[in-house]
Amino acid sequence: MRLALFEPDIPPNLGTILRLGACLASPVHVIEPCGFPFSVQAVRRSAMDYLEHAEIVRHLSWEHFLAERPAGRLLLLTTRAAVPYTAFRFAPDDILLLGSESRGAPAHVHAAADARLVIPIRAGLRSINVATAAAMVLGEALRQLQAFPRREASPEDLSSS
C-alpha cells in the first residue's frame, strides 16, 4: 500500500503524511512541482524525527510519476467521486493518490485513476484536510488487508501491564 501526493502545496501536510507513511510502513510518492521548495527543512517540524524512517520517492512531474510508478491500481481520493472509500475493496499494491490542497486533482489525473473514492462528509462542507484524509483511507485499507505493521513488544511495554 502506497501514498502519492499530486503537487502538494502545504509543507506541514506533507510532513504529516511522511510521518504517517513511516509509522505505517507505506512509501510516499511526491509528485512535483510542489507549491513550496521541497526540502528537509520544509517538512521537518511536522515530520519530526520520523523523516529518517520514511520511504520517500520523488517524481519530477506527473509524466515522470506515470512512467516510474510501481504496479498497482491508482486510487484517487476526491470530493468528486461517487464511491465511498468504506465500500471499496483494497488490494495490497494499491496507490492512494491525493490531490493538491488548493486545487485538488485536474481532469487528466482523474482520467488516469483506476478508481475515484470519496470520504462522505456533511453537506455544505468542502473537504477534510489532506493528511487526515490520507490517514483515514490508509487506515481502512490496512484494516481490510490485515496489513498494519506488527509491533514488537519492548521491555517498557511489558512493565506497564
C-alpha atoms as a PDB file:
ATOM      1  CA  MET A   1       0.000   0.000   0.000  1.00  0.00           C
ATOM      2  CA  ARG A   2       1.447   3.345  -1.066  1.00  0.00           C
ATOM      3  CA  LEU A   3       0.521   7.014  -0.818  1.00  0.00           C
ATOM      4  CA  ALA A   4       1.068   9.519  -3.616  1.00  0.00           C
ATOM      5  CA  LEU A   5       0.686  13.290  -3.377  1.00  0.00           C
ATOM      6  CA  PHE A   6      -0.007  15.296  -6.511  1.00  0.00           C
ATOM      7  CA  GLU A   7       1.784  18.662  -6.354  1.00  0.00           C
ATOM      8  CA  PRO A   8       1.368  19.264  -2.602  1.00  0.00           C
ATOM      9  CA  ASP A   9       1.025  22.915  -1.523  1.00  0.00           C
ATOM     10  CA  ILE A  10       1.444  22.895   2.247  1.00  0.00           C
ATOM     11  CA  PRO A  11       4.704  21.688   3.858  1.00  0.00           C
ATOM     12  CA  PRO A  12       3.150  20.675   7.221  1.00  0.00           C
ATOM     13  CA  ASN A  13       0.638  18.415   5.436  1.00  0.00           C
ATOM     14  CA  LEU A  14       3.431  16.714   3.511  1.00  0.00           C
ATOM     15  CA  GLY A  15       5.426  16.309   6.727  1.00  0.00           C
ATOM     16  CA  THR A  16       2.444  14.770   8.499  1.00  0.00           C
ATOM     17  CA  ILE A  17       1.889  12.348   5.607  1.00  0.00           C
ATOM     18  CA  LEU A  18       5.582  11.408   5.617  1.00  0.00           C
ATOM     19  CA  ARG A  19       5.271  10.629   9.331  1.00  0.00           C
ATOM     20  CA  LEU A  20       2.118   8.584   8.619  1.00  0.00           C
ATOM     21  CA  GLY A  21       3.947   6.654   5.900  1.00  0.00           C
ATOM     22  CA  ALA A  22       6.904   5.993   8.204  1.00  0.00           C
ATOM     23  CA  CYS A  23       4.708   4.723  11.031  1.00  0.00           C
ATOM     24  CA  LEU A  24       2.532   2.519   8.809  1.00  0.00           C
ATOM     25  CA  ALA A  25       5.329   1.282   6.510  1.00  0.00           C
ATOM     26  CA  SER A  26       3.795   2.914   3.435  1.00  0.00           C
ATOM     27  CA  PRO A  27       6.078   4.565   0.878  1.00  0.00           C
ATOM     28  CA  VAL A  28       5.131   8.139  -0.045  1.00  0.00           C
ATOM     29  CA  HIS A  29       5.457   9.294  -3.653  1.00  0.00           C
ATOM     30  CA  VAL A  30       5.744  13.063  -4.039  1.00  0.00           C
ATOM     31  CA  ILE A  31       4.728  14.275  -7.488  1.00  0.00           C
ATOM     32  CA  GLU A  32       6.322  17.634  -8.154  1.00  0.00           C
ATOM     33  CA  PRO A  33       6.311  20.521  -8.609  1.00  0.00           C
ATOM     34  CA  CYS A  34       5.371  21.272  -5.031  1.00  0.00           C
ATOM     35  CA  GLY A  35       3.887  24.635  -4.076  1.00  0.00           C
ATOM     36  CA  PHE A  36       6.998  25.235  -1.944  1.00  0.00           C
ATOM     37  CA  PRO A  37      10.689  24.352  -2.186  1.00  0.00           C
ATOM     38  CA  PHE A  38      10.645  20.673  -1.133  1.00  0.00           C
ATOM     39  CA  SER A  39      13.389  20.168   1.426  1.00  0.00           C
ATOM     40  CA  VAL A  40      14.004  18.503   4.757  1.00  0.00           C
ATOM     41  CA  GLN A  41      13.719  21.922   6.395  1.00  0.00           C
ATOM     42  CA  ALA A  42      10.263  22.487   4.889  1.00  0.00           C
ATOM     43  CA  VAL A  43       8.766  19.338   6.413  1.00  0.00           C
ATOM     44  CA  ARG A  44      10.960  18.687   9.463  1.00  0.00           C
ATOM     45  CA  ARG A  45       8.646  20.260  12.072  1.00  0.00           C
ATOM     46  CA  SER A  46       5.613  18.111  11.180  1.00  0.00           C
ATOM     47  CA  ALA A  47       7.590  15.000  10.205  1.00  0.00           C
ATOM     48  CA  MET A  48       9.737  15.354  13.349  1.00  0.00           C
ATOM     49  CA  ASP A  49      12.300  12.597  13.817  1.00  0.00           C
ATOM     50  CA  TYR A  50      10.226  10.172  11.735  1.00  0.00           C
ATOM     51  CA  LEU A  51      11.627  11.578   8.496  1.00  0.00           C
ATOM     52  CA  GLU A  52      14.606   9.218   8.557  1.00  0.00           C
ATOM     53  CA  HIS A  53      12.170   6.278   8.684  1.00  0.00           C
ATOM     54  CA  ALA A  54      10.013   7.467   5.780  1.00  0.00           C
ATOM     55  CA  GLU A  55      10.392   5.979   2.317  1.00  0.00           C
ATOM     56  CA  ILE A  56      10.123   8.981   0.006  1.00  0.00           C
ATOM     57  CA  VAL A  57      10.022   8.631  -3.769  1.00  0.00           C
ATOM     58  CA  ARG A  58      10.193  11.938  -5.648  1.00  0.00           C
ATOM     59  CA  HIS A  59       8.892  12.361  -9.184  1.00  0.00           C
ATOM     60  CA  LEU A  60       9.741  15.493 -11.158  1.00  0.00           C
ATOM     61  CA  SER A  61       6.294  15.650 -12.770  1.00  0.00           C
ATOM     62  CA  TRP A  62       3.032  13.782 -13.333  1.00  0.00           C
ATOM     63  CA  GLU A  63       4.507  12.318 -16.514  1.00  0.00           C
ATOM     64  CA  HIS A  64       7.550  11.043 -14.608  1.00  0.00           C
ATOM     65  CA  PHE A  65       5.267   9.508 -11.973  1.00  0.00           C
ATOM     66  CA  LEU A  66       3.278   7.662 -14.639  1.00  0.00           C
ATOM     67  CA  ALA A  67       6.498   6.344 -16.221  1.00  0.00           C
ATOM     68  CA  GLU A  68       8.125   5.384 -12.905  1.00  0.00           C
ATOM     69  CA  ARG A  69       5.206   4.323 -10.737  1.00  0.00           C
ATOM     70  CA  PRO A  70       5.082   0.852  -9.285  1.00  0.00           C
ATOM     71  CA  ALA A  71       2.468  -1.681 -10.339  1.00  0.00           C
ATOM     72  CA  GLY A  72      -0.937  -1.391  -8.742  1.00  0.00           C
ATOM     73  CA  ARG A  73      -4.230   0.405  -9.102  1.00  0.00           C
ATOM     74  CA  LEU A  74      -4.214   4.173  -8.859  1.00  0.00           C
ATOM     75  CA  LEU A  75      -6.991   5.223  -6.456  1.00  0.00           C
ATOM     76  CA  LEU A  76      -7.762   8.935  -6.406  1.00  0.00           C
ATOM     77  CA  LEU A  77      -9.270  10.366  -3.228  1.00  0.00           C
ATOM     78  CA  THR A  78     -11.531  13.176  -4.387  1.00  0.00           C
ATOM     79  CA  THR A  79     -14.644  15.070  -3.398  1.00  0.00           C
ATOM     80  CA  ARG A  80     -15.868  14.489  -6.986  1.00  0.00           C
ATOM     81  CA  ALA A  81     -16.350  10.728  -6.605  1.00  0.00           C
ATOM     82  CA  ALA A  82     -19.441   8.627  -6.007  1.00  0.00           C
ATOM     83  CA  VAL A  83     -17.859   5.548  -4.358  1.00  0.00           C
ATOM     84  CA  PRO A  84     -17.278   5.874  -0.593  1.00  0.00           C
ATOM     85  CA  TYR A  85     -13.871   4.552   0.449  1.00  0.00           C
ATOM     86  CA  THR A  86     -15.603   2.353   3.038  1.00  0.00           C
ATOM     87  CA  ALA A  87     -17.425   0.466   0.244  1.00  0.00           C
ATOM     88  CA  PHE A  88     -14.239  -0.210  -1.739  1.00  0.00           C
ATOM     89  CA  ARG A  89     -12.165  -3.417  -1.618  1.00  0.00           C
ATOM     90  CA  PHE A  90      -8.485  -2.529  -1.406  1.00  0.00           C
ATOM     91  CA  ALA A  91      -5.548  -4.589  -2.696  1.00  0.00           C
ATOM     92  CA  PRO A  92      -2.008  -4.691  -1.250  1.00  0.00           C
ATOM     93  CA  ASP A  93      -0.374  -2.922  -4.195  1.00  0.00           C
ATOM     94  CA  ASP A  94      -2.878  -0.046  -4.438  1.00  0.00           C
ATOM     95  CA  ILE A  95      -1.617   3.527  -4.655  1.00  0.00           C
ATOM     96  CA  LEU A  96      -3.726   6.089  -2.769  1.00  0.00           C
ATOM     97  CA  LEU A  97      -3.423   9.369  -4.671  1.00  0.00           C
ATOM     98  CA  LEU A  98      -4.264  12.703  -3.052  1.00  0.00           C
ATOM     99  CA  GLY A  99      -4.598  15.949  -4.971  1.00  0.00           C
ATOM    100  CA  SER A 100      -3.112  19.332  -4.235  1.00  0.00           C
ATOM    101  CA  GLU A 101      -4.603  21.036  -1.185  1.00  0.00           C
ATOM    102  CA  SER A 102      -5.562  24.201  -3.058  1.00  0.00           C
ATOM    103  CA  ARG A 103      -6.519  22.788  -6.465  1.00  0.00           C
ATOM    104  CA  GLY A 104      -7.345  19.122  -5.978  1.00  0.00           C
ATOM    105  CA  ALA A 105      -6.585  16.923  -8.974  1.00  0.00           C
ATOM    106  CA  PRO A 106      -7.004  18.133 -12.553  1.00  0.00           C
ATOM    107  CA  ALA A 107      -9.013  16.284 -15.205  1.00  0.00           C
ATOM    108  CA  HIS A 108      -6.012  14.396 -16.620  1.00  0.00           C
ATOM    109  CA  VAL A 109      -5.248  12.965 -13.164  1.00  0.00           C
ATOM    110  CA  HIS A 110      -8.898  11.950 -12.727  1.00  0.00           C
ATOM    111  CA  ALA A 111      -8.762  10.266 -16.136  1.00  0.00           C
ATOM    112  CA  ALA A 112      -5.653   8.244 -15.175  1.00  0.00           C
ATOM    113  CA  ALA A 113      -7.191   6.877 -11.968  1.00  0.00           C
ATOM    114  CA  ASP A 114      -8.419   3.297 -11.882  1.00  0.00           C
ATOM    115  CA  ALA A 115     -10.986   4.311  -9.258  1.00  0.00           C
ATOM    116  CA  ARG A 116     -12.120   7.514  -7.568  1.00  0.00           C
ATOM    117  CA  LEU A 117     -13.089   7.367  -3.902  1.00  0.00           C
ATOM    118  CA  VAL A 118     -14.788   9.866  -1.623  1.00  0.00           C
ATOM    119  CA  ILE A 119     -14.893  10.365   2.125  1.00  0.00           C
ATOM    120  CA  PRO A 120     -18.557  11.135   2.870  1.00  0.00           C
ATOM    121  CA  ILE A 121     -18.886  14.408   4.786  1.00  0.00           C
ATOM    122  CA  ARG A 122     -21.698  16.746   5.831  1.00  0.00           C
ATOM    123  CA  ALA A 123     -23.446  18.719   3.122  1.00  0.00           C
ATOM    124  CA  GLY A 124     -22.194  22.258   2.675  1.00  0.00           C
ATOM    125  CA  LEU A 125     -18.613  21.494   3.729  1.00  0.00           C
ATOM    126  CA  ARG A 126     -15.816  21.255   1.147  1.00  0.00           C
ATOM    127  CA  SER A 127     -13.333  18.651   2.279  1.00  0.00           C
ATOM    128  CA  ILE A 128     -11.233  17.109   5.008  1.00  0.00           C
ATOM    129  CA  ASN A 129      -7.574  18.055   5.453  1.00  0.00           C
ATOM    130  CA  VAL A 130      -5.425  16.034   3.025  1.00  0.00           C
ATOM    131  CA  ALA A 131      -3.302  14.471   5.790  1.00  0.00           C
ATOM    132  CA  THR A 132      -6.414  13.475   7.739  1.00  0.00           C
ATOM    133  CA  ALA A 133      -7.945  12.010   4.571  1.00  0.00           C
ATOM    134  CA  ALA A 134      -4.757  10.032   3.900  1.00  0.00           C
ATOM    135  CA  ALA A 135      -4.820   8.610   7.432  1.00  0.00           C
ATOM    136  CA  MET A 136      -8.499   7.656   7.250  1.00  0.00           C
ATOM    137  CA  VAL A 137      -8.305   5.848   3.927  1.00  0.00           C
ATOM    138  CA  LEU A 138      -4.894   4.244   4.516  1.00  0.00           C
ATOM    139  CA  GLY A 139      -6.165   3.008   7.889  1.00  0.00           C
ATOM    140  CA  GLU A 140      -9.238   1.424   6.286  1.00  0.00           C
ATOM    141  CA  ALA A 141      -7.153  -0.170   3.540  1.00  0.00           C
ATOM    142  CA  LEU A 142      -4.680  -1.645   6.033  1.00  0.00           C
ATOM    143  CA  ARG A 143      -7.563  -2.850   8.231  1.00  0.00           C
ATOM    144  CA  GLN A 144      -9.221  -4.618   5.308  1.00  0.00           C
ATOM    145  CA  LEU A 145      -5.945  -6.227   4.292  1.00  0.00           C
ATOM    146  CA  GLN A 146      -4.913  -7.003   7.883  1.00  0.00           C
ATOM    147  CA  ALA A 147      -1.663  -5.296   6.942  1.00  0.00           C
ATOM    148  CA  PHE A 148      -0.879  -2.976   9.831  1.00  0.00           C
ATOM    149  CA  PRO A 149       2.804  -3.288  10.782  1.00  0.00           C
ATOM    150  CA  ARG A 150       3.492  -5.666  13.623  1.00  0.00           C
ATOM    151  CA  ARG A 151       4.946  -4.017  16.662  1.00  0.00           C
ATOM    152  CA  GLU A 152       7.470  -5.910  18.719  1.00  0.00           C
ATOM    153  CA  ALA A 153       6.892  -5.620  22.449  1.00  0.00           C
ATOM    154  CA  SER A 154       9.595  -3.633  24.214  1.00  0.00           C
ATOM    155  CA  PRO A 155      10.599  -4.067  27.873  1.00  0.00           C
ATOM    156  CA  GLU A 156       8.765  -0.791  28.629  1.00  0.00           C
ATOM    157  CA  ASP A 157       5.543  -2.210  27.177  1.00  0.00           C
ATOM    158  CA  LEU A 158       5.792  -5.321  29.329  1.00  0.00           C
ATOM    159  CA  SER A 159       6.475  -3.421  32.551  1.00  0.00           C
ATOM    160  CA  SER A 160       3.318  -1.298  32.247  1.00  0.00           C
ATOM    161  CA  SER A 161       0.905  -4.251  32.160  1.00  0.00           C
END
